[in-house]
Amino acid sequence: MALKKSSEIITVGFSLAESAPNTFTQGRVDLQLNPLDQEVFVVVAVDLDPTAPDCITATNTEVKASLSSTSRATFGNLNDPSVLANAVYNIRTDGISHVAIQRTSIDSPPAALDYIAIIATNDFFIQLEGFNNVGGKDLFGRLWGYRARADAATYAALVQSEVLSS
C-alpha cells in the first residue's frame, strides 16, 4: 500500500447528545480531507467516553456508543467492517444490588500496530443509544491520526472498500 504521510498526529474531538432518552442517535464529524489529492486519514487511536447509565432500582440500564467510517442505522459492534471502536456501559440489578459493567474496544492491548484503520472518505460517524434510562445520555470522544496521500490505485481501493462496507 502506497501512503505518504502529509501531517503530524492530529487530534479530533467530538461529542453527541441523545436526541431523546433511549433513542439511537448518530452524528457526523467532518475530517475535511481533500479527495482531489487522494487524501486519507490514518487512525492510530480512538477514545469513546459515554456518560454512565442511570441506576434505577430493579431495572437494567445501558449506554452504548460506537465510531464508524460509514453511516449506520444501529449501534456498531467490532465485527462490523466499518466500526473502528465501541464502548458499552451496563448497570445490572437483581432488584437488591447493582453491578456496573464497562466494556470498551480498548480492553485488548493494541500490540504493535502502526494504525487501526484508514478513513478514505471525508467524514466519520458516531453513534449513541441508551436503554431504560430516565434522561438522555451524551458521548464525548477523541480520535487521533494523521493525514496521508495515497496513490491512485490504493485510494480507489480504500474508497470502494469503505463504501461497500456501509
N, C-alpha and C. Protein backbone atom coordinates (compact mmCIF):
# COMPACT_ATOMS: atom_id res chain seq x y z
N MET A 1 0.85 -1.16 0.00
CA MET A 1 0.00 0.00 0.00
C MET A 1 0.90 1.23 0.00
N ALA A 2 0.59 2.14 -0.89
CA ALA A 2 1.42 3.34 -1.02
C ALA A 2 0.75 4.53 -0.37
N LEU A 3 1.19 4.85 0.85
CA LEU A 3 0.70 6.02 1.57
C LEU A 3 1.89 6.90 1.91
N LYS A 4 1.72 8.21 1.74
CA LYS A 4 2.77 9.15 2.10
C LYS A 4 2.20 10.09 3.16
N LYS A 5 2.77 10.03 4.35
CA LYS A 5 2.31 10.84 5.47
C LYS A 5 2.45 12.32 5.13
N SER A 6 1.37 13.10 5.34
CA SER A 6 1.40 14.53 4.99
C SER A 6 1.14 15.45 6.19
N SER A 7 1.04 14.89 7.39
CA SER A 7 0.86 15.72 8.59
C SER A 7 1.40 14.96 9.80
N GLU A 8 1.52 15.68 10.88
CA GLU A 8 1.84 15.05 12.15
C GLU A 8 0.53 14.55 12.75
N ILE A 9 0.57 13.98 13.94
CA ILE A 9 -0.63 13.48 14.60
C ILE A 9 -1.61 14.63 14.84
N ILE A 10 -2.86 14.39 14.47
CA ILE A 10 -3.95 15.35 14.63
C ILE A 10 -4.94 14.74 15.62
N THR A 11 -5.46 15.57 16.51
CA THR A 11 -6.48 15.13 17.47
C THR A 11 -7.80 15.75 17.07
N VAL A 12 -8.83 14.90 16.93
CA VAL A 12 -10.17 15.37 16.58
C VAL A 12 -11.09 15.04 17.74
N GLY A 13 -11.60 16.06 18.41
CA GLY A 13 -12.54 15.85 19.50
C GLY A 13 -13.97 15.95 18.98
N PHE A 14 -14.89 15.25 19.64
CA PHE A 14 -16.29 15.25 19.21
C PHE A 14 -17.20 14.96 20.38
N SER A 15 -18.47 15.30 20.22
CA SER A 15 -19.47 14.98 21.23
C SER A 15 -20.81 14.78 20.54
N LEU A 16 -21.70 14.10 21.24
CA LEU A 16 -23.03 13.80 20.70
C LEU A 16 -23.99 13.65 21.87
N ALA A 17 -25.17 14.25 21.76
CA ALA A 17 -26.21 14.10 22.77
C ALA A 17 -27.34 13.27 22.18
N GLU A 18 -27.87 12.36 22.96
CA GLU A 18 -29.01 11.56 22.53
C GLU A 18 -30.18 12.49 22.20
N SER A 19 -30.85 12.28 21.08
CA SER A 19 -31.95 13.15 20.66
C SER A 19 -33.14 13.05 21.61
N ALA A 20 -33.31 11.93 22.25
CA ALA A 20 -34.32 11.69 23.29
C ALA A 20 -33.84 10.49 24.08
N PRO A 21 -34.27 10.35 25.34
CA PRO A 21 -33.80 9.20 26.12
C PRO A 21 -34.07 7.87 25.40
N ASN A 22 -33.06 7.00 25.41
CA ASN A 22 -33.16 5.64 24.86
C ASN A 22 -33.45 5.61 23.36
N THR A 23 -32.93 6.59 22.65
CA THR A 23 -33.16 6.71 21.21
C THR A 23 -31.82 6.65 20.47
N PHE A 24 -31.71 5.78 19.47
CA PHE A 24 -30.49 5.73 18.66
C PHE A 24 -30.27 7.10 18.02
N THR A 25 -29.06 7.62 18.20
CA THR A 25 -28.71 8.93 17.65
C THR A 25 -27.35 8.81 16.97
N GLN A 26 -27.23 9.43 15.81
CA GLN A 26 -25.96 9.39 15.08
C GLN A 26 -25.51 10.81 14.76
N GLY A 27 -24.20 11.03 14.83
CA GLY A 27 -23.61 12.31 14.46
C GLY A 27 -22.53 12.09 13.41
N ARG A 28 -22.28 13.13 12.63
CA ARG A 28 -21.28 13.09 11.57
C ARG A 28 -20.17 14.08 11.93
N VAL A 29 -18.90 13.65 11.78
CA VAL A 29 -17.76 14.51 12.06
C VAL A 29 -16.95 14.62 10.77
N ASP A 30 -16.78 15.85 10.30
CA ASP A 30 -16.08 16.12 9.04
C ASP A 30 -14.57 16.17 9.27
N LEU A 31 -13.82 15.42 8.49
CA LEU A 31 -12.36 15.43 8.57
C LEU A 31 -11.73 16.42 7.60
N GLN A 32 -12.51 16.99 6.70
CA GLN A 32 -12.04 17.96 5.71
C GLN A 32 -10.86 17.43 4.90
N LEU A 33 -11.01 16.21 4.41
CA LEU A 33 -9.98 15.62 3.55
C LEU A 33 -10.13 16.17 2.14
N ASN A 34 -9.05 16.14 1.39
CA ASN A 34 -9.06 16.62 0.01
C ASN A 34 -9.06 15.43 -0.94
N PRO A 35 -10.23 15.06 -1.49
CA PRO A 35 -10.27 13.90 -2.39
C PRO A 35 -9.51 14.11 -3.69
N LEU A 36 -9.34 15.37 -4.12
CA LEU A 36 -8.59 15.64 -5.35
C LEU A 36 -7.12 15.26 -5.20
N ASP A 37 -6.62 15.35 -3.97
CA ASP A 37 -5.23 14.95 -3.69
C ASP A 37 -5.15 13.52 -3.16
N GLN A 38 -6.28 12.79 -3.22
CA GLN A 38 -6.35 11.40 -2.74
C GLN A 38 -5.89 11.32 -1.29
N GLU A 39 -6.41 12.25 -0.48
CA GLU A 39 -6.02 12.33 0.92
C GLU A 39 -6.88 11.39 1.76
N VAL A 40 -6.24 10.68 2.68
CA VAL A 40 -6.92 9.78 3.61
C VAL A 40 -6.52 10.15 5.03
N PHE A 41 -7.25 9.60 6.01
CA PHE A 41 -6.92 9.83 7.42
C PHE A 41 -6.57 8.49 8.03
N VAL A 42 -5.35 8.38 8.54
CA VAL A 42 -4.86 7.14 9.13
C VAL A 42 -5.10 7.23 10.64
N VAL A 43 -5.99 6.39 11.15
CA VAL A 43 -6.40 6.42 12.55
C VAL A 43 -5.42 5.58 13.38
N VAL A 44 -4.87 6.21 14.42
CA VAL A 44 -3.94 5.49 15.29
C VAL A 44 -4.54 5.17 16.66
N ALA A 45 -5.60 5.90 17.07
CA ALA A 45 -6.25 5.62 18.35
C ALA A 45 -7.62 6.28 18.40
N VAL A 46 -8.51 5.69 19.22
CA VAL A 46 -9.85 6.23 19.44
C VAL A 46 -10.18 6.07 20.92
N ASP A 47 -10.81 7.10 21.49
CA ASP A 47 -11.27 7.03 22.87
C ASP A 47 -12.73 7.46 22.89
N LEU A 48 -13.62 6.58 23.35
CA LEU A 48 -15.05 6.88 23.47
C LEU A 48 -15.40 6.93 24.95
N ASP A 49 -16.13 7.98 25.36
CA ASP A 49 -16.48 8.16 26.76
C ASP A 49 -17.96 8.54 26.88
N PRO A 50 -18.86 7.55 26.81
CA PRO A 50 -20.28 7.87 27.01
C PRO A 50 -20.57 8.08 28.49
N THR A 51 -21.60 8.89 28.78
CA THR A 51 -21.99 9.08 30.18
C THR A 51 -22.57 7.78 30.72
N ALA A 52 -22.53 7.65 32.03
CA ALA A 52 -22.96 6.41 32.69
C ALA A 52 -24.48 6.24 32.59
N PRO A 53 -24.94 4.99 32.54
CA PRO A 53 -26.38 4.75 32.56
C PRO A 53 -26.96 5.09 33.93
N ASP A 54 -28.27 5.31 33.96
CA ASP A 54 -28.95 5.61 35.22
C ASP A 54 -28.99 4.37 36.11
N CYS A 55 -28.89 4.57 37.40
CA CYS A 55 -29.01 3.48 38.37
C CYS A 55 -30.44 3.52 38.92
N ILE A 56 -31.27 2.60 38.45
CA ILE A 56 -32.69 2.57 38.79
C ILE A 56 -32.98 1.23 39.48
N THR A 57 -33.67 1.28 40.60
CA THR A 57 -33.98 0.08 41.36
C THR A 57 -34.71 -0.94 40.49
N ALA A 58 -34.23 -2.18 40.51
CA ALA A 58 -34.83 -3.33 39.82
C ALA A 58 -34.93 -3.14 38.30
N THR A 59 -34.04 -2.31 37.72
CA THR A 59 -34.06 -2.07 36.28
C THR A 59 -32.65 -2.14 35.72
N ASN A 60 -32.43 -2.96 34.71
CA ASN A 60 -31.16 -2.99 34.00
C ASN A 60 -31.12 -1.80 33.05
N THR A 61 -30.00 -1.08 33.05
CA THR A 61 -29.84 0.07 32.16
C THR A 61 -28.54 -0.07 31.38
N GLU A 62 -28.43 0.71 30.29
CA GLU A 62 -27.26 0.56 29.42
C GLU A 62 -27.06 1.83 28.60
N VAL A 63 -25.81 2.09 28.24
CA VAL A 63 -25.45 3.13 27.27
C VAL A 63 -24.42 2.52 26.33
N LYS A 64 -24.68 2.63 25.02
CA LYS A 64 -23.77 2.07 24.01
C LYS A 64 -23.32 3.19 23.07
N ALA A 65 -22.05 3.16 22.69
CA ALA A 65 -21.51 4.14 21.76
C ALA A 65 -20.58 3.43 20.78
N SER A 66 -20.56 3.92 19.54
CA SER A 66 -19.64 3.37 18.56
C SER A 66 -19.18 4.46 17.60
N LEU A 67 -18.06 4.21 16.94
CA LEU A 67 -17.50 5.10 15.94
C LEU A 67 -17.27 4.28 14.69
N SER A 68 -17.74 4.79 13.55
CA SER A 68 -17.61 4.04 12.30
C SER A 68 -17.19 4.97 11.16
N SER A 69 -16.65 4.38 10.13
CA SER A 69 -16.22 5.16 8.96
C SER A 69 -17.38 5.42 8.02
N THR A 70 -18.50 4.73 8.20
CA THR A 70 -19.68 4.95 7.36
C THR A 70 -20.91 5.14 8.23
N SER A 71 -21.94 5.70 7.65
CA SER A 71 -23.19 5.93 8.37
C SER A 71 -23.84 4.60 8.72
N ARG A 72 -24.49 4.56 9.91
CA ARG A 72 -25.13 3.33 10.38
C ARG A 72 -26.54 3.64 10.86
N ALA A 73 -27.38 2.62 10.89
CA ALA A 73 -28.74 2.76 11.41
C ALA A 73 -28.86 2.16 12.81
N THR A 74 -27.79 1.49 13.28
CA THR A 74 -27.80 0.85 14.59
C THR A 74 -26.42 0.98 15.22
N PHE A 75 -26.34 0.68 16.51
CA PHE A 75 -25.07 0.61 17.22
C PHE A 75 -24.15 -0.38 16.52
N GLY A 76 -22.86 -0.09 16.47
CA GLY A 76 -21.93 -0.96 15.77
C GLY A 76 -21.06 -1.79 16.68
N ASN A 77 -20.97 -3.07 16.37
CA ASN A 77 -20.06 -3.98 17.08
C ASN A 77 -18.75 -4.08 16.32
N LEU A 78 -17.72 -4.56 16.99
CA LEU A 78 -16.39 -4.61 16.37
C LEU A 78 -16.29 -5.59 15.21
N ASN A 79 -17.25 -6.51 15.09
CA ASN A 79 -17.21 -7.43 13.95
C ASN A 79 -17.76 -6.78 12.68
N ASP A 80 -18.35 -5.59 12.79
CA ASP A 80 -18.81 -4.86 11.62
C ASP A 80 -17.61 -4.19 10.96
N PRO A 81 -17.44 -4.34 9.63
CA PRO A 81 -16.21 -3.87 8.99
C PRO A 81 -15.96 -2.36 9.09
N SER A 82 -17.00 -1.55 9.20
CA SER A 82 -16.79 -0.10 9.24
C SER A 82 -16.61 0.44 10.66
N VAL A 83 -16.78 -0.40 11.69
CA VAL A 83 -16.70 0.06 13.07
C VAL A 83 -15.25 0.04 13.55
N LEU A 84 -14.78 1.21 14.03
CA LEU A 84 -13.41 1.33 14.50
C LEU A 84 -13.30 1.15 16.00
N ALA A 85 -14.35 1.52 16.74
CA ALA A 85 -14.31 1.42 18.20
C ALA A 85 -15.73 1.42 18.74
N ASN A 86 -15.90 0.86 19.95
CA ASN A 86 -17.19 0.95 20.63
C ASN A 86 -16.97 0.90 22.14
N ALA A 87 -18.02 1.28 22.86
CA ALA A 87 -18.00 1.25 24.33
C ALA A 87 -19.40 0.92 24.80
N VAL A 88 -19.51 0.06 25.79
CA VAL A 88 -20.80 -0.31 26.36
C VAL A 88 -20.69 -0.25 27.88
N TYR A 89 -21.61 0.50 28.50
CA TYR A 89 -21.69 0.59 29.96
C TYR A 89 -23.05 0.04 30.37
N ASN A 90 -23.05 -0.91 31.31
CA ASN A 90 -24.28 -1.52 31.81
C ASN A 90 -24.36 -1.36 33.31
N ILE A 91 -25.57 -1.25 33.81
CA ILE A 91 -25.83 -1.44 35.24
C ILE A 91 -26.85 -2.56 35.31
N ARG A 92 -26.45 -3.68 35.92
CA ARG A 92 -27.31 -4.86 36.06
C ARG A 92 -27.74 -4.98 37.50
N THR A 93 -28.98 -5.38 37.70
CA THR A 93 -29.51 -5.49 39.05
C THR A 93 -30.38 -6.73 39.19
N ASP A 94 -30.41 -7.25 40.39
CA ASP A 94 -31.31 -8.36 40.71
C ASP A 94 -32.47 -7.86 41.57
N GLY A 95 -32.60 -6.54 41.67
CA GLY A 95 -33.65 -5.95 42.48
C GLY A 95 -33.15 -5.54 43.86
N ILE A 96 -32.01 -6.08 44.26
CA ILE A 96 -31.45 -5.76 45.59
C ILE A 96 -30.12 -5.02 45.43
N SER A 97 -29.22 -5.60 44.66
CA SER A 97 -27.91 -4.98 44.48
C SER A 97 -27.71 -4.65 43.00
N HIS A 98 -26.76 -3.74 42.75
CA HIS A 98 -26.44 -3.29 41.39
C HIS A 98 -24.98 -3.59 41.08
N VAL A 99 -24.71 -3.95 39.84
CA VAL A 99 -23.34 -4.17 39.39
C VAL A 99 -23.14 -3.34 38.12
N ALA A 100 -22.11 -2.52 38.11
CA ALA A 100 -21.77 -1.73 36.93
C ALA A 100 -20.73 -2.48 36.10
N ILE A 101 -20.95 -2.53 34.80
CA ILE A 101 -20.05 -3.23 33.89
C ILE A 101 -19.65 -2.27 32.79
N GLN A 102 -18.35 -2.17 32.54
CA GLN A 102 -17.85 -1.29 31.50
C GLN A 102 -17.01 -2.12 30.53
N ARG A 103 -17.28 -1.96 29.24
CA ARG A 103 -16.50 -2.66 28.22
C ARG A 103 -16.23 -1.70 27.08
N THR A 104 -14.97 -1.58 26.70
CA THR A 104 -14.62 -0.73 25.56
C THR A 104 -13.74 -1.52 24.60
N SER A 105 -13.64 -1.04 23.39
CA SER A 105 -12.82 -1.73 22.39
C SER A 105 -11.34 -1.63 22.71
N ILE A 106 -10.97 -0.80 23.67
CA ILE A 106 -9.57 -0.66 24.04
C ILE A 106 -9.20 -1.66 25.14
N ASP A 107 -10.12 -2.56 25.51
CA ASP A 107 -9.85 -3.54 26.55
C ASP A 107 -8.70 -4.48 26.17
N SER A 108 -8.47 -4.67 24.89
CA SER A 108 -7.36 -5.50 24.43
C SER A 108 -6.20 -4.60 24.05
N PRO A 109 -4.98 -4.98 24.39
CA PRO A 109 -3.84 -4.14 24.03
C PRO A 109 -3.67 -4.06 22.51
N PRO A 110 -3.29 -2.89 21.99
CA PRO A 110 -3.17 -2.72 20.55
C PRO A 110 -1.94 -3.38 19.95
N ALA A 111 -1.12 -4.00 20.77
CA ALA A 111 0.11 -4.67 20.30
C ALA A 111 1.01 -3.64 19.64
N ALA A 112 1.57 -3.98 18.51
CA ALA A 112 2.50 -3.08 17.82
C ALA A 112 1.92 -2.65 16.48
N LEU A 113 0.65 -2.28 16.47
CA LEU A 113 0.01 -1.87 15.22
C LEU A 113 0.48 -0.48 14.81
N ASP A 114 0.72 -0.29 13.52
CA ASP A 114 1.08 1.04 13.02
C ASP A 114 -0.14 1.95 13.00
N TYR A 115 -1.31 1.38 12.76
CA TYR A 115 -2.56 2.13 12.74
C TYR A 115 -3.70 1.15 12.94
N ILE A 116 -4.91 1.67 13.28
CA ILE A 116 -6.04 0.77 13.48
C ILE A 116 -7.04 0.82 12.33
N ALA A 117 -7.00 1.89 11.52
CA ALA A 117 -7.92 1.99 10.38
C ALA A 117 -7.48 3.14 9.48
N ILE A 118 -8.02 3.12 8.26
CA ILE A 118 -7.81 4.23 7.33
C ILE A 118 -9.19 4.69 6.89
N ILE A 119 -9.46 5.98 7.08
CA ILE A 119 -10.72 6.57 6.62
C ILE A 119 -10.44 7.27 5.30
N ALA A 120 -11.11 6.82 4.24
CA ALA A 120 -10.83 7.33 2.90
C ALA A 120 -11.85 8.38 2.45
N THR A 121 -12.98 8.47 3.13
CA THR A 121 -13.97 9.47 2.76
C THR A 121 -13.87 10.64 3.73
N ASN A 122 -14.61 11.71 3.47
CA ASN A 122 -14.44 12.96 4.20
C ASN A 122 -14.85 12.96 5.65
N ASP A 123 -15.54 11.94 6.13
CA ASP A 123 -16.09 12.03 7.47
C ASP A 123 -16.14 10.67 8.16
N PHE A 124 -16.41 10.73 9.46
CA PHE A 124 -16.69 9.52 10.21
C PHE A 124 -17.95 9.77 11.01
N PHE A 125 -18.52 8.72 11.59
CA PHE A 125 -19.81 8.80 12.25
C PHE A 125 -19.70 8.25 13.66
N ILE A 126 -20.46 8.88 14.57
CA ILE A 126 -20.52 8.42 15.95
C ILE A 126 -21.96 8.08 16.27
N GLN A 127 -22.15 7.00 17.01
CA GLN A 127 -23.48 6.52 17.35
C GLN A 127 -23.61 6.40 18.87
N LEU A 128 -24.83 6.65 19.36
CA LEU A 128 -25.11 6.61 20.79
C LEU A 128 -26.52 6.10 21.00
N GLU A 129 -26.69 5.21 21.99
CA GLU A 129 -28.03 4.71 22.30
C GLU A 129 -28.09 4.24 23.75
N GLY A 130 -29.11 4.70 24.46
CA GLY A 130 -29.35 4.27 25.83
C GLY A 130 -30.46 3.23 25.86
N PHE A 131 -30.57 2.57 27.02
CA PHE A 131 -31.62 1.57 27.23
C PHE A 131 -32.11 1.69 28.67
N ASN A 132 -33.40 1.93 28.84
CA ASN A 132 -34.06 2.03 30.16
C ASN A 132 -33.56 3.19 31.02
N ASN A 133 -33.01 4.23 30.42
CA ASN A 133 -32.56 5.40 31.18
C ASN A 133 -33.69 6.42 31.29
N VAL A 134 -33.68 7.19 32.35
CA VAL A 134 -34.68 8.24 32.53
C VAL A 134 -34.36 9.44 31.67
N GLY A 135 -33.09 9.85 31.65
CA GLY A 135 -32.67 11.01 30.88
C GLY A 135 -31.81 10.63 29.69
N GLY A 136 -31.67 11.58 28.76
CA GLY A 136 -30.81 11.37 27.60
C GLY A 136 -29.35 11.30 28.01
N LYS A 137 -28.56 10.61 27.24
CA LYS A 137 -27.14 10.41 27.54
C LYS A 137 -26.28 11.14 26.52
N ASP A 138 -25.00 11.31 26.85
CA ASP A 138 -24.06 12.03 26.00
C ASP A 138 -22.86 11.14 25.68
N LEU A 139 -22.20 11.47 24.59
CA LEU A 139 -20.96 10.80 24.20
C LEU A 139 -19.91 11.86 23.98
N PHE A 140 -18.74 11.66 24.55
CA PHE A 140 -17.59 12.50 24.32
C PHE A 140 -16.48 11.60 23.80
N GLY A 141 -15.67 12.12 22.90
CA GLY A 141 -14.63 11.25 22.37
C GLY A 141 -13.52 12.01 21.69
N ARG A 142 -12.50 11.24 21.33
CA ARG A 142 -11.35 11.79 20.65
C ARG A 142 -10.80 10.74 19.69
N LEU A 143 -10.37 11.22 18.53
CA LEU A 143 -9.77 10.38 17.50
C LEU A 143 -8.39 10.95 17.20
N TRP A 144 -7.37 10.09 17.18
CA TRP A 144 -6.02 10.52 16.85
C TRP A 144 -5.63 9.89 15.52
N GLY A 145 -4.94 10.65 14.70
CA GLY A 145 -4.48 10.12 13.43
C GLY A 145 -3.69 11.15 12.67
N TYR A 146 -3.37 10.82 11.43
CA TYR A 146 -2.64 11.76 10.59
C TYR A 146 -3.15 11.66 9.16
N ARG A 147 -2.94 12.75 8.44
CA ARG A 147 -3.32 12.81 7.03
C ARG A 147 -2.22 12.13 6.20
N ALA A 148 -2.64 11.49 5.14
CA ALA A 148 -1.69 10.87 4.22
C ALA A 148 -2.25 10.94 2.81
N ARG A 149 -1.37 10.87 1.84
CA ARG A 149 -1.80 10.82 0.44
C ARG A 149 -1.56 9.40 -0.06
N ALA A 150 -2.56 8.92 -0.78
CA ALA A 150 -2.47 7.56 -1.33
C ALA A 150 -2.25 7.64 -2.84
N ASP A 151 -1.60 6.64 -3.39
CA ASP A 151 -1.52 6.59 -4.85
C ASP A 151 -2.91 6.26 -5.39
N ALA A 152 -3.12 6.44 -6.68
CA ALA A 152 -4.46 6.32 -7.27
C ALA A 152 -5.10 4.96 -7.03
N ALA A 153 -4.35 3.90 -7.23
CA ALA A 153 -4.92 2.55 -7.07
C ALA A 153 -5.29 2.28 -5.61
N THR A 154 -4.43 2.68 -4.69
CA THR A 154 -4.70 2.48 -3.26
C THR A 154 -5.92 3.30 -2.84
N TYR A 155 -5.98 4.56 -3.28
CA TYR A 155 -7.10 5.43 -2.92
C TYR A 155 -8.41 4.85 -3.44
N ALA A 156 -8.43 4.41 -4.68
CA ALA A 156 -9.66 3.83 -5.26
C ALA A 156 -10.09 2.59 -4.48
N ALA A 157 -9.14 1.74 -4.12
CA ALA A 157 -9.47 0.53 -3.37
C ALA A 157 -10.00 0.87 -1.97
N LEU A 158 -9.39 1.85 -1.31
CA LEU A 158 -9.84 2.24 0.03
C LEU A 158 -11.25 2.83 0.00
N VAL A 159 -11.51 3.72 -0.95
CA VAL A 159 -12.85 4.33 -1.06
C VAL A 159 -13.89 3.27 -1.38
N GLN A 160 -13.59 2.39 -2.33
CA GLN A 160 -14.53 1.34 -2.70
C GLN A 160 -14.81 0.42 -1.52
N SER A 161 -13.77 0.03 -0.81
CA SER A 161 -13.95 -0.85 0.36
C SER A 161 -14.80 -0.17 1.42
N GLU A 162 -14.56 1.10 1.67
CA GLU A 162 -15.32 1.83 2.69
C GLU A 162 -16.79 1.96 2.29
N VAL A 163 -17.04 2.29 1.04
CA VAL A 163 -18.42 2.46 0.56
C VAL A 163 -19.15 1.11 0.57
N LEU A 164 -18.48 0.04 0.17
CA LEU A 164 -19.13 -1.26 0.13
C LEU A 164 -19.40 -1.82 1.52
N SER A 165 -18.66 -1.36 2.54
CA SER A 165 -18.88 -1.86 3.89
C SER A 165 -20.02 -1.15 4.60
N SER A 166 -20.61 -0.16 3.95
CA SER A 166 -21.71 0.58 4.60
C SER A 166 -23.04 -0.13 4.44
